[in-house]
Amino acid sequence: MAVHYQVEAGVATVTIDRPEVRNAIDQATAHAVSVSIGAADADDEVGVILITGAGGHFSVGMDLEAFLRGELTHSPINGFAGLTQRVLGKPMIAAVEGSALAGGFEMALACDMIVAAENARFGLGQTRLGLVPDAGGLLRLPRQLPPKIAAEIILTGETVSSAFLAAHGLINRVVPHGEALSAARALAARILANDPHATRISKRVLNESSDWPASEMFARQDEIAAPLLAPAAARLTEKAGEGKPPG
């Protein structure tokens, strides 16, 4: 099986397992990743989704041999591997070891957070093949990095280290080799300690607000957050009551 799916303690882990091709994505793998992520987002027992790769690599992106055979790795709705254009209600973390290249890097960019091993390498080398990083690289990287740094990565096609990207704010944690998944799980546990509804609403505002006009942004935020206000007020009132001395 090219993709493994596991749910434990509120965390769904999607593992790409094609180490013989550094977890390159063919049609079957893309479908399995898409199905797994959809299942995790729909599961009430899941609060955080992790995606990682087996065998010491995250993913080198599209399987070029599969592409030449005519296999499809993009969904018209959800993008490359059913992820890069997907709108998720739950936080998603990429746990990266080894190579995260081309579409693999674009999958990581689609996540809310990235935890990477110190040996990890990232790059968008599609231009060397006469292609462009159209699964999110061209659109997301200049929003997540200083534009000139993003331009250099895209236009040279060269790889960069996890330390380099962390220095520019793209990576949340750089950890020793072999510890990316455990560190991502620890980060997920910190998220799970919070109210799940507040987490989902916060994620939604984070994802949607980048192009809101200044004149509308608080009104739009408040409309999305409104369902939380009454339950939160009730909880705060209850806690305040617990702290009062007996009458």
Protein backbone atom coordinates (compact mmCIF):
# COMPACT_ATOMS: atom_id res chain seq x y z
CA MET A 1 0.00 0.00 0.00
CA ALA A 2 1.44 3.37 -1.08
CA VAL A 3 -0.29 5.41 1.63
CA HIS A 4 -0.92 4.56 5.27
CA TYR A 5 -3.61 6.21 7.38
CA GLN A 6 -3.65 6.12 11.18
CA VAL A 7 -5.69 7.94 13.82
CA GLU A 8 -4.34 8.10 17.35
CA ALA A 9 -5.14 10.48 20.22
CA GLY A 10 -6.99 12.90 17.97
CA VAL A 11 -4.25 13.06 15.33
CA ALA A 12 -4.63 11.57 11.85
CA THR A 13 -1.32 10.68 10.20
CA VAL A 14 -1.11 10.25 6.42
CA THR A 15 2.16 8.56 5.40
CA ILE A 16 3.27 8.34 1.77
CA ASP A 17 5.12 5.04 1.42
CA ARG A 18 6.95 4.70 -1.90
CA PRO A 19 10.56 4.92 -0.66
CA GLU A 20 11.94 3.29 -3.81
CA VAL A 21 11.04 6.49 -5.72
CA ARG A 22 11.48 8.90 -2.79
CA ASN A 23 7.70 8.98 -2.34
CA ALA A 24 6.95 10.33 -5.81
CA ILE A 25 3.24 10.72 -6.44
CA ASP A 26 1.56 8.58 -9.10
CA GLN A 27 -2.17 8.37 -9.74
CA ALA A 28 -2.92 5.69 -7.15
CA THR A 29 -0.89 7.50 -4.49
CA ALA A 30 -2.56 10.83 -5.26
CA HIS A 31 -5.97 9.21 -4.92
CA ALA A 32 -5.04 7.53 -1.64
CA VAL A 33 -3.65 10.76 -0.16
CA SER A 34 -6.79 12.62 -1.20
CA VAL A 35 -9.11 10.00 0.30
CA SER A 36 -7.13 9.88 3.54
CA ILE A 37 -7.12 13.66 4.00
CA GLY A 38 -10.83 13.82 3.24
CA ALA A 39 -11.53 11.10 5.79
CA ALA A 40 -9.48 12.90 8.43
CA ASP A 41 -11.19 16.23 7.86
CA ALA A 42 -14.62 14.57 8.12
CA ASP A 43 -13.81 12.54 11.27
CA ASP A 44 -15.09 14.16 14.48
CA GLU A 45 -12.45 12.26 16.44
CA VAL A 46 -9.63 13.99 14.52
CA GLY A 47 -8.44 17.43 15.55
CA VAL A 48 -5.15 17.73 13.64
CA ILE A 49 -3.90 16.12 10.41
CA LEU A 50 -0.24 15.22 9.80
CA ILE A 51 1.31 14.30 6.46
CA THR A 52 4.73 12.72 6.15
CA GLY A 53 6.77 10.31 4.06
CA ALA A 54 8.33 6.92 4.76
CA GLY A 55 11.92 5.86 4.17
CA GLY A 56 13.67 9.10 5.02
CA HIS A 57 12.01 11.40 2.47
CA PHE A 58 8.86 13.51 2.35
CA SER A 59 8.16 13.51 -1.40
CA VAL A 60 9.91 14.53 -4.61
CA GLY A 61 6.56 15.43 -6.16
CA MET A 62 5.02 14.03 -9.31
CA ASP A 63 6.20 10.63 -10.52
CA LEU A 64 7.47 11.63 -13.97
CA GLU A 65 7.32 8.09 -15.35
CA ALA A 66 3.68 7.87 -14.28
CA PHE A 67 3.06 11.27 -15.86
CA LEU A 68 4.50 10.07 -19.17
CA ARG A 69 2.18 7.05 -18.97
CA GLY A 70 -0.73 9.48 -18.79
CA GLU A 71 -1.53 9.03 -15.11
CA LEU A 72 -3.35 11.87 -13.38
CA THR A 73 -2.01 13.25 -10.11
CA HIS A 74 -4.12 16.42 -9.94
CA SER A 75 -7.74 16.75 -8.91
CA PRO A 76 -9.60 19.61 -10.64
CA ILE A 77 -11.11 20.53 -7.25
CA ASN A 78 -8.45 19.63 -4.68
CA GLY A 79 -5.23 20.05 -6.67
CA PHE A 80 -2.05 17.98 -6.68
CA ALA A 81 -2.40 14.79 -4.63
CA GLY A 82 -5.85 15.98 -3.58
CA LEU A 83 -4.21 18.50 -1.22
CA THR A 84 -2.74 21.65 -2.75
CA GLN A 85 -6.09 23.31 -3.52
CA ARG A 86 -8.10 21.67 -0.78
CA VAL A 87 -9.93 23.78 1.81
CA LEU A 88 -9.56 22.00 5.14
CA GLY A 89 -11.43 22.75 8.33
CA LYS A 90 -8.70 21.30 10.56
CA PRO A 91 -5.05 22.28 11.05
CA MET A 92 -2.56 20.30 8.98
CA ILE A 93 1.14 19.87 9.69
CA ALA A 94 3.81 18.57 7.30
CA ALA A 95 6.53 16.47 8.96
CA VAL A 96 9.48 16.58 6.55
CA GLU A 97 12.54 14.40 6.42
CA GLY A 98 14.93 14.31 3.45
CA SER A 99 13.61 15.64 0.15
CA ALA A 100 10.55 17.87 -0.26
CA LEU A 101 10.88 18.83 -3.90
CA ALA A 102 8.61 20.17 -6.63
CA GLY A 103 5.08 18.95 -5.87
CA GLY A 104 6.33 17.59 -2.55
CA PHE A 105 7.37 21.08 -1.49
CA GLU A 106 4.03 22.40 -2.76
CA MET A 107 2.20 19.85 -0.60
CA ALA A 108 4.11 21.13 2.44
CA LEU A 109 3.31 24.73 1.49
CA ALA A 110 -0.39 23.82 1.51
CA CYS A 111 -0.15 22.83 5.19
CA ASP A 112 -0.65 25.26 8.06
CA MET A 113 2.70 24.40 9.66
CA ILE A 114 5.92 22.62 8.73
CA VAL A 115 8.23 20.67 11.02
CA ALA A 116 11.44 19.64 9.28
CA ALA A 117 14.55 17.63 10.04
CA GLU A 118 17.85 19.45 9.90
CA ASN A 119 18.86 17.36 6.85
CA ALA A 120 15.71 18.21 4.86
CA ARG A 121 16.05 19.88 1.46
CA PHE A 122 13.37 21.91 -0.29
CA GLY A 123 13.13 23.08 -3.87
CA LEU A 124 10.95 23.88 -6.86
CA GLY A 125 12.92 22.62 -9.85
CA GLN A 126 10.08 22.43 -12.36
CA THR A 127 11.52 25.16 -14.58
CA ARG A 128 14.49 22.90 -15.34
CA LEU A 129 12.05 20.48 -16.98
CA GLY A 130 10.14 23.13 -18.91
CA LEU A 131 7.34 23.12 -16.34
CA VAL A 132 6.21 25.61 -13.69
CA PRO A 133 5.37 25.05 -9.99
CA ASP A 134 1.65 25.49 -10.56
CA ALA A 135 0.48 23.35 -7.63
CA GLY A 136 0.92 26.27 -5.27
CA GLY A 137 4.59 27.13 -5.54
CA LEU A 138 4.11 30.21 -7.70
CA LEU A 139 1.19 31.44 -5.62
CA ARG A 140 2.01 30.47 -2.04
CA LEU A 141 5.77 30.85 -1.80
CA PRO A 142 5.80 34.66 -2.33
CA ARG A 143 3.10 34.93 0.35
CA GLN A 144 5.00 32.77 2.83
CA LEU A 145 8.52 34.08 2.18
CA PRO A 146 9.95 37.50 1.29
CA PRO A 147 9.14 37.85 -2.43
CA LYS A 148 12.76 38.11 -3.58
CA ILE A 149 13.74 34.96 -1.68
CA ALA A 150 10.75 33.18 -3.23
CA ALA A 151 11.75 34.42 -6.68
CA GLU A 152 15.27 33.05 -6.27
CA ILE A 153 14.02 29.61 -5.20
CA ILE A 154 11.53 29.43 -8.08
CA LEU A 155 13.65 30.92 -10.86
CA THR A 156 16.91 29.10 -10.06
CA GLY A 157 15.28 25.77 -9.28
CA GLU A 158 17.96 25.17 -6.66
CA THR A 159 17.34 23.41 -3.35
CA VAL A 160 17.60 25.08 0.05
CA SER A 161 17.96 23.78 3.58
CA SER A 162 15.40 23.65 6.36
CA ALA A 163 17.60 26.04 8.36
CA PHE A 164 17.49 28.58 5.51
CA LEU A 165 13.70 28.43 5.29
CA ALA A 166 13.33 28.56 9.07
CA ALA A 167 15.45 31.72 9.15
CA HIS A 168 12.90 33.30 6.78
CA GLY A 169 9.91 32.13 8.80
CA LEU A 170 8.61 29.29 6.60
CA ILE A 171 9.34 26.39 8.96
CA ASN A 172 8.03 26.15 12.53
CA ARG A 173 10.55 23.66 13.93
CA VAL A 174 13.93 22.33 12.77
CA VAL A 175 14.72 19.10 14.60
CA PRO A 176 17.37 16.39 14.47
CA HIS A 177 17.25 13.85 11.65
CA GLY A 178 14.57 11.24 12.28
CA GLU A 179 12.56 13.35 14.73
CA ALA A 180 10.29 15.37 12.42
CA LEU A 181 7.23 13.18 12.92
CA SER A 182 7.54 13.01 16.71
CA ALA A 183 8.05 16.78 16.89
CA ALA A 184 5.01 17.32 14.65
CA ARG A 185 2.96 15.10 16.95
CA ALA A 186 4.09 17.14 19.95
CA LEU A 187 3.01 20.32 18.17
CA ALA A 188 -0.32 18.69 17.29
CA ALA A 189 -0.86 17.80 20.96
CA ARG A 190 -0.47 21.47 21.91
CA ILE A 191 -3.13 22.40 19.36
CA LEU A 192 -5.45 19.64 20.59
CA ALA A 193 -5.27 21.04 24.12
CA ASN A 194 -7.40 23.99 22.94
CA ASP A 195 -11.11 24.22 22.13
CA PRO A 196 -11.66 22.53 18.73
CA HIS A 197 -14.31 24.97 17.56
CA ALA A 198 -12.12 27.96 18.38
CA THR A 199 -9.23 26.29 16.58
CA ARG A 200 -11.28 25.73 13.42
CA ILE A 201 -12.63 29.26 13.40
CA SER A 202 -9.16 30.70 13.97
CA LYS A 203 -7.80 28.62 11.08
CA ARG A 204 -10.61 29.76 8.83
CA VAL A 205 -9.98 33.43 9.54
CA LEU A 206 -6.22 32.96 9.08
CA ASN A 207 -6.77 31.36 5.68
CA GLU A 208 -9.48 33.66 4.36
CA SER A 209 -8.49 37.09 5.65
CA SER A 210 -5.39 37.85 3.56
CA ASP A 211 -7.37 39.69 0.89
CA TRP A 212 -10.13 41.20 3.04
CA PRO A 213 -10.47 44.99 2.65
CA ALA A 214 -9.45 46.89 5.78
CA SER A 215 -12.90 48.43 5.97
CA GLU A 216 -14.54 45.00 6.20
CA MET A 217 -12.05 42.74 7.95
CA PHE A 218 -13.35 43.05 11.53
CA ALA A 219 -16.96 42.66 10.44
CA ARG A 220 -16.09 39.52 8.46
CA GLN A 221 -14.06 38.14 11.37
CA ASP A 222 -16.88 38.79 13.82
CA GLU A 223 -19.44 37.12 11.57
CA ILE A 224 -17.34 33.94 11.44
CA ALA A 225 -16.54 34.01 15.17
CA ALA A 226 -20.11 34.82 16.32
CA PRO A 227 -21.11 31.15 16.99
CA LEU A 228 -18.40 30.99 19.68
CA LEU A 229 -19.52 34.00 21.69
CA ALA A 230 -22.54 32.63 23.57
CA PRO A 231 -20.91 29.30 24.62
CA ALA A 232 -17.71 31.13 25.61
CA ALA A 233 -19.67 33.65 27.70
CA ALA A 234 -21.51 30.80 29.42
CA ARG A 235 -18.26 29.02 30.26
CA LEU A 236 -16.65 32.19 31.62
CA THR A 237 -19.73 32.93 33.74
CA GLU A 238 -19.66 29.39 35.13
CA LYS A 239 -15.97 29.65 36.00
CA ALA A 240 -16.52 33.03 37.65
CA GLY A 241 -19.31 31.49 39.70
CA GLU A 242 -17.06 28.63 40.83
CA GLY A 243 -14.61 31.17 42.22
CA LYS A 244 -17.15 32.94 44.42
CA PRO A 245 -17.26 32.25 48.19
CA PRO A 246 -20.40 30.46 49.42
CA GLY A 247 -23.32 32.80 50.19
